């Protein structure tokens, strides 16, 4: 689900701490114009003086998945 044309991909652990200086160094190293991150992580960079692009993710669950979950639960309800 990442957009085409990314200059570099750097993955950090979930709940990672973001250091503005380190992110600036990564931008310079890769000659990138902005940091791409999720809405969840952008709040951790509030106040940073960096160009940040937000990738808004949307989760959609098919209806048949809910039906399967209900059927699974019903099997164990009577136990």
Protein backbone atom coordinates (compact mmCIF):
# COMPACT_ATOMS: atom_id res chain seq x y z
CA UNK A 1 0.00 0.00 0.00
CA UNK A 2 3.00 2.30 -0.22
CA UNK A 3 2.91 4.81 -3.05
CA UNK A 4 5.23 4.43 -6.03
CA UNK A 5 8.28 6.64 -6.26
CA UNK A 6 9.53 6.36 -2.71
CA UNK A 7 13.18 7.28 -2.42
CA UNK A 8 13.90 5.05 0.58
CA UNK A 9 12.03 2.88 3.04
CA UNK A 10 13.07 2.85 6.67
CA UNK A 11 11.05 0.80 9.11
CA UNK A 12 11.01 1.42 12.84
CA UNK A 13 9.56 -0.66 15.64
CA UNK A 14 5.97 -0.02 16.63
CA UNK A 15 5.79 2.70 19.31
CA UNK A 16 9.22 3.97 18.29
CA UNK A 17 10.47 7.33 19.53
CA UNK A 18 11.18 9.83 16.76
CA UNK A 19 14.21 12.07 17.00
CA UNK A 20 13.98 15.18 14.83
CA UNK A 21 17.74 15.36 14.21
CA UNK A 22 17.90 11.72 13.13
CA UNK A 23 14.96 12.20 10.76
CA UNK A 24 16.62 15.31 9.30
CA UNK A 25 19.80 13.29 8.71
CA UNK A 26 17.78 10.60 6.91
CA UNK A 27 16.17 13.22 4.69
CA UNK A 28 19.57 14.62 3.75
CA UNK A 29 21.18 11.19 3.31
CA UNK A 30 18.49 10.04 0.89
CA UNK A 31 17.93 13.47 -0.70
CA UNK A 32 14.25 13.17 0.16
CA UNK A 33 11.82 16.06 0.40
CA UNK A 34 9.59 14.70 3.17
CA UNK A 35 9.00 11.94 5.69
CA UNK A 36 6.02 9.70 4.91
CA UNK A 37 4.29 8.30 7.97
CA UNK A 38 0.91 7.16 9.23
CA UNK A 39 -1.61 9.28 11.08
CA UNK A 40 -0.74 7.35 14.23
CA UNK A 41 2.90 8.41 14.05
CA UNK A 42 2.52 11.96 12.79
CA UNK A 43 1.28 13.07 16.21
CA UNK A 44 4.65 12.00 17.67
CA UNK A 45 6.33 14.56 15.40
CA UNK A 46 4.19 17.51 16.41
CA UNK A 47 6.36 20.60 16.43
CA UNK A 48 9.11 19.12 14.25
CA UNK A 49 10.42 21.53 11.64
CA UNK A 50 10.43 18.86 8.93
CA UNK A 51 8.32 18.30 5.86
CA UNK A 52 6.03 15.42 6.81
CA UNK A 53 3.58 13.65 4.51
CA UNK A 54 0.72 11.78 6.13
CA UNK A 55 -0.44 8.43 4.78
CA UNK A 56 -4.04 7.90 5.85
CA UNK A 57 -4.91 4.23 6.10
CA UNK A 58 -8.41 2.82 6.02
CA UNK A 59 -9.36 -0.66 7.16
CA UNK A 60 -12.30 -2.36 5.51
CA UNK A 61 -13.60 -5.71 6.73
CA UNK A 62 -15.72 -7.78 4.37
CA UNK A 63 -19.16 -8.75 5.70
CA UNK A 64 -18.39 -12.45 5.30
CA UNK A 65 -15.63 -12.13 7.88
CA UNK A 66 -18.20 -11.00 10.47
CA UNK A 67 -20.41 -13.96 9.55
CA UNK A 68 -17.48 -16.34 10.01
CA UNK A 69 -16.69 -14.80 13.41
CA UNK A 70 -20.31 -15.14 14.51
CA UNK A 71 -20.41 -18.79 13.42
CA UNK A 72 -17.19 -19.51 15.27
CA UNK A 73 -18.50 -17.90 18.48
CA UNK A 74 -21.81 -19.79 18.25
CA UNK A 75 -19.95 -23.13 18.20
CA UNK A 76 -18.46 -22.39 21.62
CA UNK A 77 -21.43 -20.62 23.21
CA UNK A 78 -23.07 -23.85 24.32
CA UNK A 79 -19.97 -25.28 25.98
